[in-house]
N, C-alpha and C. Protein backbone atom coordinates (compact mmCIF):
# COMPACT_ATOMS: atom_id res chain seq x y z
N UNK A 1 154.27 52.49 158.55
CA UNK A 1 154.52 52.14 157.17
C UNK A 1 153.98 53.25 156.28
N UNK A 2 154.76 53.67 155.33
CA UNK A 2 154.35 54.66 154.34
C UNK A 2 154.31 53.94 153.01
N UNK A 3 153.18 54.04 152.31
CA UNK A 3 153.09 53.34 151.04
C UNK A 3 152.39 54.20 150.01
N UNK A 4 152.84 54.07 148.78
CA UNK A 4 152.21 54.72 147.66
C UNK A 4 151.76 53.62 146.73
N UNK A 5 150.47 53.63 146.39
CA UNK A 5 149.93 52.50 145.66
C UNK A 5 149.25 52.95 144.38
N UNK A 6 149.32 52.09 143.40
CA UNK A 6 148.58 52.28 142.16
C UNK A 6 147.95 50.93 141.79
N UNK A 7 147.34 50.32 142.79
CA UNK A 7 146.71 49.02 142.61
C UNK A 7 145.25 49.13 143.00
N UNK A 8 144.54 48.01 142.96
CA UNK A 8 143.19 48.00 143.49
C UNK A 8 143.22 47.54 144.94
N UNK A 9 142.06 47.55 145.61
CA UNK A 9 142.05 47.26 147.05
C UNK A 9 142.50 45.84 147.36
N UNK A 10 142.14 44.88 146.53
CA UNK A 10 142.52 43.49 146.81
C UNK A 10 144.04 43.31 146.80
N UNK A 11 144.71 43.85 145.78
CA UNK A 11 146.17 43.68 145.74
C UNK A 11 146.86 44.50 146.82
N UNK A 12 146.32 45.68 147.14
CA UNK A 12 146.89 46.49 148.22
C UNK A 12 146.78 45.75 149.55
N UNK A 13 145.60 45.20 149.82
CA UNK A 13 145.37 44.47 151.06
C UNK A 13 146.26 43.23 151.13
N UNK A 14 146.37 42.52 150.03
CA UNK A 14 147.19 41.31 150.01
C UNK A 14 148.64 41.64 150.34
N UNK A 15 149.19 42.66 149.70
CA UNK A 15 150.58 43.03 149.97
C UNK A 15 150.73 43.53 151.40
N UNK A 16 149.80 44.35 151.86
CA UNK A 16 149.91 44.95 153.20
C UNK A 16 149.77 43.91 154.31
N UNK A 17 148.85 42.97 154.16
CA UNK A 17 148.54 42.09 155.27
C UNK A 17 149.07 40.67 155.11
N UNK A 18 149.46 40.30 153.92
CA UNK A 18 150.10 39.00 153.73
C UNK A 18 151.61 39.09 153.90
N UNK A 19 152.16 40.29 153.70
CA UNK A 19 153.58 40.53 153.89
C UNK A 19 153.71 41.68 154.89
N UNK A 20 153.35 41.44 156.15
CA UNK A 20 153.30 42.53 157.12
C UNK A 20 154.68 43.04 157.51
N UNK A 21 154.72 44.29 157.89
CA UNK A 21 155.92 44.90 158.45
C UNK A 21 155.82 44.73 159.95
N UNK A 22 156.74 44.01 160.58
CA UNK A 22 156.64 43.77 162.02
C UNK A 22 156.47 45.08 162.81
N UNK A 23 155.48 45.09 163.71
CA UNK A 23 155.25 46.24 164.56
C UNK A 23 154.48 47.37 163.89
N UNK A 24 154.12 47.22 162.65
CA UNK A 24 153.43 48.28 161.93
C UNK A 24 151.93 48.20 162.17
N UNK A 25 151.39 49.19 162.85
CA UNK A 25 149.95 49.26 163.10
C UNK A 25 149.32 50.46 162.41
N UNK A 26 150.14 51.32 161.80
CA UNK A 26 149.65 52.52 161.13
C UNK A 26 150.18 52.56 159.71
N UNK A 27 149.34 53.06 158.80
CA UNK A 27 149.76 53.23 157.41
C UNK A 27 149.37 54.61 156.93
N UNK A 28 150.30 55.30 156.29
CA UNK A 28 150.00 56.52 155.55
C UNK A 28 150.02 56.12 154.09
N UNK A 29 148.92 56.32 153.39
CA UNK A 29 148.77 55.85 152.03
C UNK A 29 148.34 57.01 151.14
N UNK A 30 148.96 57.13 149.97
CA UNK A 30 148.61 58.23 149.07
C UNK A 30 148.62 57.78 147.62
N UNK A 31 147.54 57.15 147.19
CA UNK A 31 147.45 56.82 145.77
C UNK A 31 147.00 58.04 144.96
N UNK A 32 147.10 57.92 143.66
CA UNK A 32 146.54 58.96 142.81
C UNK A 32 145.06 58.65 142.60
N UNK A 33 144.35 59.61 142.07
CA UNK A 33 142.93 59.43 141.83
C UNK A 33 142.50 60.29 140.65
N UNK A 34 141.27 60.12 140.26
CA UNK A 34 140.67 60.95 139.23
C UNK A 34 139.72 61.91 139.93
N UNK A 35 139.85 63.20 139.67
CA UNK A 35 138.94 64.15 140.30
C UNK A 35 137.64 64.21 139.51
N UNK A 36 136.54 64.34 140.23
CA UNK A 36 135.23 64.52 139.60
C UNK A 36 134.76 65.96 139.76
N UNK A 37 135.31 66.69 140.71
CA UNK A 37 134.99 68.10 140.96
C UNK A 37 136.27 68.92 140.81
N UNK A 38 136.60 69.31 139.60
CA UNK A 38 137.85 70.03 139.34
C UNK A 38 137.94 71.32 140.13
N UNK A 39 136.87 72.10 140.18
CA UNK A 39 136.94 73.39 140.85
C UNK A 39 137.23 73.25 142.34
N UNK A 40 136.69 72.24 142.98
CA UNK A 40 136.87 72.05 144.43
C UNK A 40 138.23 71.46 144.77
N UNK A 41 138.85 70.72 143.84
CA UNK A 41 140.04 69.95 144.16
C UNK A 41 141.32 70.45 143.49
N UNK A 42 141.22 71.34 142.54
CA UNK A 42 142.40 71.75 141.78
C UNK A 42 143.46 72.36 142.71
N UNK A 43 144.68 71.84 142.61
CA UNK A 43 145.79 72.35 143.40
C UNK A 43 145.77 71.94 144.86
N UNK A 44 144.91 70.99 145.20
CA UNK A 44 144.78 70.55 146.59
C UNK A 44 144.84 69.03 146.68
N UNK A 45 145.34 68.55 147.80
CA UNK A 45 145.23 67.13 148.11
C UNK A 45 143.80 66.89 148.59
N UNK A 46 143.37 65.65 148.52
CA UNK A 46 142.02 65.28 148.94
C UNK A 46 142.13 64.38 150.16
N UNK A 47 141.48 64.78 151.24
CA UNK A 47 141.40 63.94 152.44
C UNK A 47 140.00 63.35 152.48
N UNK A 48 139.89 62.06 152.21
CA UNK A 48 138.57 61.43 152.19
C UNK A 48 137.96 61.32 153.59
N UNK A 49 136.66 61.61 153.66
CA UNK A 49 135.91 61.45 154.90
C UNK A 49 135.05 60.19 154.88
N UNK A 50 134.61 59.82 153.69
CA UNK A 50 133.84 58.60 153.45
C UNK A 50 134.18 58.13 152.05
N UNK A 51 134.00 56.82 151.83
CA UNK A 51 134.21 56.31 150.48
C UNK A 51 133.03 55.45 150.07
N UNK A 52 132.50 55.76 148.88
CA UNK A 52 131.44 54.93 148.31
C UNK A 52 132.03 53.56 147.98
N UNK A 53 131.34 52.53 148.36
CA UNK A 53 131.86 51.17 148.23
C UNK A 53 131.42 50.53 146.91
N UNK A 54 132.08 50.94 145.82
CA UNK A 54 131.77 50.42 144.50
C UNK A 54 132.69 49.29 144.12
N UNK A 55 133.20 48.57 145.10
CA UNK A 55 134.09 47.43 144.89
C UNK A 55 133.58 46.30 145.79
N UNK A 56 134.17 45.15 145.73
CA UNK A 56 133.66 44.00 146.49
C UNK A 56 134.42 43.72 147.77
N UNK A 57 135.68 44.05 147.81
CA UNK A 57 136.55 43.63 148.91
C UNK A 57 136.05 44.09 150.28
N UNK A 58 135.59 45.33 150.38
CA UNK A 58 135.18 45.87 151.69
C UNK A 58 134.02 45.09 152.29
N UNK A 59 133.21 44.46 151.48
CA UNK A 59 132.03 43.75 151.98
C UNK A 59 132.41 42.46 152.71
N UNK A 60 133.63 41.99 152.56
CA UNK A 60 134.10 40.83 153.32
C UNK A 60 134.55 41.22 154.72
N UNK A 61 134.79 42.50 154.96
CA UNK A 61 135.36 42.96 156.23
C UNK A 61 134.47 43.93 157.01
N UNK A 62 133.43 44.46 156.40
CA UNK A 62 132.56 45.43 157.07
C UNK A 62 131.11 45.17 156.70
N UNK A 63 130.21 45.56 157.59
CA UNK A 63 128.78 45.40 157.34
C UNK A 63 128.39 46.13 156.06
N UNK A 64 127.42 45.60 155.32
CA UNK A 64 127.00 46.25 154.08
C UNK A 64 126.47 47.67 154.33
N UNK A 65 126.90 48.59 153.50
CA UNK A 65 126.45 49.98 153.52
C UNK A 65 126.98 50.62 152.24
N UNK A 66 126.36 51.69 151.80
CA UNK A 66 126.83 52.35 150.59
C UNK A 66 128.20 53.01 150.79
N UNK A 67 128.41 53.59 151.97
CA UNK A 67 129.65 54.31 152.26
C UNK A 67 130.33 53.71 153.49
N UNK A 68 131.65 53.83 153.53
CA UNK A 68 132.41 53.49 154.73
C UNK A 68 133.10 54.77 155.21
N UNK A 69 133.02 55.01 156.50
CA UNK A 69 133.66 56.19 157.07
C UNK A 69 135.17 56.02 157.13
N UNK A 70 135.88 57.11 156.90
CA UNK A 70 137.33 57.09 156.96
C UNK A 70 137.72 57.68 158.32
N UNK A 71 138.11 56.79 159.22
CA UNK A 71 138.27 57.12 160.64
C UNK A 71 139.20 58.27 160.96
N UNK A 72 140.31 58.36 160.32
CA UNK A 72 141.33 59.34 160.72
C UNK A 72 141.35 60.61 159.88
N UNK A 73 140.25 60.90 159.19
CA UNK A 73 140.21 62.10 158.33
C UNK A 73 140.43 63.38 159.13
N UNK A 74 139.82 63.48 160.30
CA UNK A 74 139.98 64.71 161.09
C UNK A 74 141.42 64.88 161.59
N UNK A 75 142.02 63.80 162.07
CA UNK A 75 143.41 63.89 162.54
C UNK A 75 144.34 64.22 161.37
N UNK A 76 144.08 63.63 160.22
CA UNK A 76 144.90 63.91 159.05
C UNK A 76 144.77 65.37 158.62
N UNK A 77 143.57 65.92 158.67
CA UNK A 77 143.42 67.34 158.31
C UNK A 77 144.15 68.23 159.31
N UNK A 78 144.21 67.82 160.58
CA UNK A 78 145.01 68.57 161.56
C UNK A 78 146.48 68.60 161.15
N UNK A 79 147.00 67.45 160.70
CA UNK A 79 148.40 67.39 160.25
C UNK A 79 148.60 68.29 159.04
N UNK A 80 147.69 68.26 158.09
CA UNK A 80 147.81 69.12 156.91
C UNK A 80 147.81 70.59 157.31
N UNK A 81 146.96 70.95 158.29
CA UNK A 81 146.96 72.33 158.79
C UNK A 81 148.30 72.68 159.42
N UNK A 82 148.86 71.77 160.22
CA UNK A 82 150.13 72.00 160.90
C UNK A 82 151.27 72.24 159.92
N UNK A 83 151.27 71.51 158.80
CA UNK A 83 152.38 71.63 157.85
C UNK A 83 152.06 72.59 156.70
N UNK A 84 150.85 73.12 156.66
CA UNK A 84 150.48 74.09 155.64
C UNK A 84 150.24 73.51 154.26
N UNK A 85 149.84 72.25 154.18
CA UNK A 85 149.57 71.63 152.88
C UNK A 85 148.12 71.92 152.47
N UNK A 86 147.89 72.30 151.22
CA UNK A 86 146.53 72.60 150.77
C UNK A 86 145.71 71.32 150.61
N UNK A 87 144.47 71.36 151.07
CA UNK A 87 143.63 70.17 150.97
C UNK A 87 142.16 70.54 150.97
N UNK A 88 141.36 69.59 150.58
CA UNK A 88 139.91 69.66 150.69
C UNK A 88 139.46 68.31 151.26
N UNK A 89 138.47 68.34 152.13
CA UNK A 89 137.94 67.11 152.71
C UNK A 89 136.59 66.80 152.07
N UNK A 90 136.31 65.51 151.91
CA UNK A 90 135.00 65.12 151.41
C UNK A 90 134.94 63.66 151.01
N UNK A 91 133.79 63.31 150.51
CA UNK A 91 133.55 61.94 150.05
C UNK A 91 134.35 61.63 148.79
N UNK A 92 134.69 60.35 148.65
CA UNK A 92 135.28 59.84 147.41
C UNK A 92 134.54 58.56 147.03
N UNK A 93 134.90 58.03 145.90
CA UNK A 93 134.24 56.86 145.35
C UNK A 93 135.30 55.81 145.04
N UNK A 94 135.19 54.64 145.68
CA UNK A 94 136.09 53.54 145.37
C UNK A 94 135.40 52.65 144.34
N UNK A 95 136.08 52.42 143.23
CA UNK A 95 135.55 51.53 142.20
C UNK A 95 136.42 50.30 142.11
N UNK A 96 135.85 49.21 141.71
CA UNK A 96 136.61 47.97 141.57
C UNK A 96 136.97 47.66 140.14
N UNK A 97 136.58 48.51 139.22
CA UNK A 97 136.81 48.22 137.82
C UNK A 97 137.22 49.48 137.08
N UNK A 98 138.47 49.54 136.71
CA UNK A 98 139.00 50.70 136.02
C UNK A 98 138.29 50.94 134.69
N UNK A 99 138.06 52.19 134.40
CA UNK A 99 137.46 52.63 133.14
C UNK A 99 136.01 52.19 132.96
N UNK A 100 135.33 51.84 134.05
CA UNK A 100 133.92 51.47 133.97
C UNK A 100 133.04 52.53 134.61
N UNK A 101 133.58 53.72 134.83
CA UNK A 101 132.83 54.81 135.42
C UNK A 101 132.01 55.47 134.32
N UNK A 102 130.77 55.06 134.16
CA UNK A 102 129.93 55.59 133.09
C UNK A 102 129.48 57.00 133.42
N UNK A 103 129.01 57.71 132.41
CA UNK A 103 128.53 59.09 132.60
C UNK A 103 127.43 59.13 133.66
N UNK A 104 126.54 58.16 133.66
CA UNK A 104 125.47 58.11 134.65
C UNK A 104 126.00 57.92 136.07
N UNK A 105 126.98 57.05 136.24
CA UNK A 105 127.58 56.84 137.56
C UNK A 105 128.35 58.08 138.02
N UNK A 106 129.04 58.72 137.09
CA UNK A 106 129.78 59.94 137.44
C UNK A 106 128.80 61.00 137.94
N UNK A 107 127.70 61.21 137.22
CA UNK A 107 126.69 62.19 137.65
C UNK A 107 126.14 61.84 139.04
N UNK A 108 125.86 60.57 139.26
CA UNK A 108 125.29 60.13 140.54
C UNK A 108 126.27 60.36 141.69
N UNK A 109 127.52 59.95 141.52
CA UNK A 109 128.52 60.13 142.60
C UNK A 109 128.80 61.61 142.83
N UNK A 110 128.87 62.42 141.77
CA UNK A 110 129.07 63.87 141.94
C UNK A 110 127.91 64.47 142.72
N UNK A 111 126.69 64.05 142.41
CA UNK A 111 125.52 64.56 143.12
C UNK A 111 125.56 64.20 144.61
N UNK A 112 126.20 63.09 144.93
CA UNK A 112 126.35 62.67 146.33
C UNK A 112 127.53 63.35 147.01
N UNK A 113 128.27 64.16 146.25
CA UNK A 113 129.38 64.92 146.82
C UNK A 113 130.74 64.26 146.71
N UNK A 114 130.87 63.21 145.91
CA UNK A 114 132.18 62.55 145.75
C UNK A 114 133.11 63.46 144.95
N UNK A 115 134.26 63.76 145.56
CA UNK A 115 135.24 64.65 144.94
C UNK A 115 136.14 63.94 143.94
N UNK A 116 136.28 62.61 144.11
CA UNK A 116 137.23 61.86 143.29
C UNK A 116 136.83 60.39 143.26
N UNK A 117 137.43 59.67 142.33
CA UNK A 117 137.26 58.22 142.23
C UNK A 117 138.65 57.58 142.28
N UNK A 118 138.75 56.49 143.04
CA UNK A 118 140.01 55.75 143.16
C UNK A 118 139.67 54.27 143.31
N UNK A 119 140.67 53.41 143.53
CA UNK A 119 140.42 51.96 143.47
C UNK A 119 140.77 51.18 144.74
N UNK A 120 141.03 51.83 145.87
CA UNK A 120 141.52 51.06 147.01
C UNK A 120 140.87 51.37 148.35
N UNK A 121 140.51 52.60 148.58
CA UNK A 121 140.26 53.08 149.92
C UNK A 121 139.19 52.32 150.69
N UNK A 122 138.05 52.07 150.11
CA UNK A 122 136.97 51.40 150.85
C UNK A 122 137.43 50.04 151.36
N UNK A 123 138.07 49.27 150.52
CA UNK A 123 138.55 47.95 150.95
C UNK A 123 139.64 48.03 151.99
N UNK A 124 140.58 48.93 151.80
CA UNK A 124 141.69 49.04 152.75
C UNK A 124 141.18 49.55 154.11
N UNK A 125 140.25 50.53 154.11
CA UNK A 125 139.71 51.02 155.37
C UNK A 125 138.94 49.91 156.09
N UNK A 126 138.18 49.11 155.35
CA UNK A 126 137.43 48.00 155.95
C UNK A 126 138.37 47.00 156.62
N UNK A 127 139.46 46.68 155.95
CA UNK A 127 140.44 45.74 156.52
C UNK A 127 141.11 46.35 157.75
N UNK A 128 141.46 47.61 157.68
CA UNK A 128 142.07 48.28 158.83
C UNK A 128 141.11 48.29 160.02
N UNK A 129 139.85 48.61 159.77
CA UNK A 129 138.85 48.58 160.85
C UNK A 129 138.73 47.18 161.44
N UNK A 130 138.70 46.19 160.59
CA UNK A 130 138.55 44.79 161.01
C UNK A 130 139.72 44.34 161.89
N UNK A 131 140.94 44.72 161.50
CA UNK A 131 142.14 44.28 162.23
C UNK A 131 142.63 45.26 163.28
N UNK A 132 141.99 46.42 163.39
CA UNK A 132 142.40 47.41 164.38
C UNK A 132 143.62 48.22 163.99
N UNK A 133 143.88 48.35 162.68
CA UNK A 133 144.98 49.16 162.19
C UNK A 133 144.51 50.59 161.94
N UNK A 134 145.43 51.51 161.95
CA UNK A 134 145.13 52.93 161.69
C UNK A 134 145.58 53.28 160.27
N UNK A 135 144.68 53.88 159.51
CA UNK A 135 144.96 54.27 158.14
C UNK A 135 144.87 55.79 158.03
N UNK A 136 145.86 56.39 157.39
CA UNK A 136 145.90 57.82 157.12
C UNK A 136 146.02 57.97 155.60
N UNK A 137 144.90 58.19 154.93
CA UNK A 137 144.87 58.17 153.47
C UNK A 137 144.58 59.57 152.92
N UNK A 138 145.42 60.00 152.00
CA UNK A 138 145.15 61.23 151.27
C UNK A 138 145.43 60.97 149.80
N UNK A 139 144.76 61.71 148.95
CA UNK A 139 144.82 61.47 147.52
C UNK A 139 145.37 62.69 146.79
N UNK A 140 145.98 62.42 145.65
CA UNK A 140 146.38 63.49 144.74
C UNK A 140 145.76 63.19 143.39
N UNK A 141 144.96 64.12 142.90
CA UNK A 141 144.30 63.92 141.62
C UNK A 141 145.28 64.18 140.49
N UNK A 142 145.35 63.24 139.59
CA UNK A 142 146.25 63.37 138.46
C UNK A 142 145.51 63.44 137.14
N UNK A 143 144.24 63.11 137.18
CA UNK A 143 143.45 63.16 135.97
C UNK A 143 142.04 63.58 136.35
N UNK A 144 141.24 63.83 135.33
CA UNK A 144 139.89 64.33 135.54
C UNK A 144 138.92 63.36 134.89
N UNK A 145 137.92 62.96 135.66
CA UNK A 145 136.85 62.12 135.13
C UNK A 145 135.59 62.95 135.08
N UNK A 146 135.12 63.19 133.89
CA UNK A 146 133.90 63.98 133.72
C UNK A 146 132.95 63.25 132.80
N UNK A 147 131.81 63.85 132.60
CA UNK A 147 130.81 63.22 131.76
C UNK A 147 131.27 63.11 130.32
N UNK A 148 132.19 63.97 129.91
CA UNK A 148 132.66 63.94 128.52
C UNK A 148 133.86 63.01 128.32
N UNK A 149 134.36 62.40 129.38
CA UNK A 149 135.48 61.48 129.21
C UNK A 149 136.51 61.59 130.31
N UNK A 150 137.69 61.12 129.98
CA UNK A 150 138.77 60.95 130.94
C UNK A 150 139.99 61.69 130.44
N UNK A 151 140.50 62.65 131.20
CA UNK A 151 141.67 63.44 130.83
C UNK A 151 142.83 63.02 131.74
N UNK A 152 143.89 62.45 131.16
CA UNK A 152 144.99 61.89 131.96
C UNK A 152 146.26 62.74 131.93
N UNK A 153 146.15 63.98 131.53
CA UNK A 153 147.32 64.83 131.32
C UNK A 153 148.28 64.87 132.52
N UNK A 154 147.75 64.97 133.73
CA UNK A 154 148.61 65.13 134.91
C UNK A 154 148.82 63.85 135.71
N UNK A 155 148.40 62.72 135.19
CA UNK A 155 148.51 61.46 135.92
C UNK A 155 149.94 61.07 136.26
N UNK A 156 150.91 61.16 135.35
CA UNK A 156 152.28 60.78 135.73
C UNK A 156 152.83 61.57 136.91
N UNK A 157 152.55 62.86 136.96
CA UNK A 157 153.05 63.68 138.07
C UNK A 157 152.40 63.27 139.39
N UNK A 158 151.12 62.96 139.37
CA UNK A 158 150.42 62.56 140.61
C UNK A 158 150.93 61.22 141.12
N UNK A 159 151.31 60.34 140.22
CA UNK A 159 151.81 59.02 140.64
C UNK A 159 153.24 59.07 141.15
N UNK A 160 153.99 60.10 140.79
CA UNK A 160 155.42 60.14 141.13
C UNK A 160 155.82 61.46 141.77
N UNK A 161 154.95 62.02 142.58
CA UNK A 161 155.19 63.31 143.21
C UNK A 161 155.90 63.13 144.54
N UNK A 162 157.11 63.67 144.68
CA UNK A 162 157.86 63.55 145.93
C UNK A 162 157.22 64.34 147.07
N UNK A 163 156.37 65.30 146.73
CA UNK A 163 155.66 66.05 147.77
C UNK A 163 154.81 65.13 148.63
N UNK A 164 154.24 64.10 148.02
CA UNK A 164 153.44 63.14 148.79
C UNK A 164 154.30 62.39 149.79
N UNK A 165 155.53 62.08 149.43
CA UNK A 165 156.44 61.40 150.35
C UNK A 165 156.75 62.30 151.54
N UNK A 166 157.01 63.57 151.28
CA UNK A 166 157.30 64.50 152.38
C UNK A 166 156.11 64.58 153.32
N UNK A 167 154.91 64.69 152.77
CA UNK A 167 153.71 64.75 153.61
C UNK A 167 153.54 63.45 154.39
N UNK A 168 153.73 62.32 153.74
CA UNK A 168 153.59 61.02 154.44
C UNK A 168 154.59 60.90 155.59
N UNK A 169 155.79 61.39 155.39
CA UNK A 169 156.78 61.35 156.47
C UNK A 169 156.38 62.28 157.62
N UNK A 170 155.81 63.42 157.29
CA UNK A 170 155.29 64.32 158.32
C UNK A 170 154.15 63.67 159.10
N UNK A 171 153.29 62.96 158.40
CA UNK A 171 152.21 62.23 159.06
C UNK A 171 152.80 61.19 160.01
N UNK A 172 153.79 60.45 159.53
CA UNK A 172 154.41 59.40 160.36
C UNK A 172 155.04 60.00 161.62
N UNK A 173 155.59 61.19 161.52
CA UNK A 173 156.20 61.83 162.71
C UNK A 173 155.14 62.28 163.72
N UNK A 174 153.93 62.56 163.25
CA UNK A 174 152.92 63.18 164.11
C UNK A 174 151.85 62.23 164.66
N UNK A 175 151.69 61.09 164.08
CA UNK A 175 150.61 60.19 164.57
C UNK A 175 151.15 59.00 165.33
């Protein structure tokens, strides 16, 4: 299954697991996100290695911890290398509440190495781990979240980029 989402983890999980695709055990998912480290991520896709669990959904499916590991990050980076897609790997931050990323929280997550903030990954990875599904998640930053505010100039392109579909199809062929 290839999916592009602009929802939070609860709605993504509900759609994915309440309306299952028969025989689907793998998902390639590519939502947009807000970058917190512009210099490290500009012009590159982001392959998350861990996600800070700043939402509630993941705690119903995984043991409590600040971060959840993203199981298939190494395999996904292999695919990106094979197809020549630019990327950076690192931590991200899953939040459960849009526009509640305060300057203090942004500084804290950046200090922990979070490259971006998004709304689904921690919960979706927890559910996949719980049910034994494989998740291949990569992000495209469309806006910038910094201490001075939120810049959404490139958000429409990140949400509707056909390049993500091509990459997701390449992932589906290889995993």
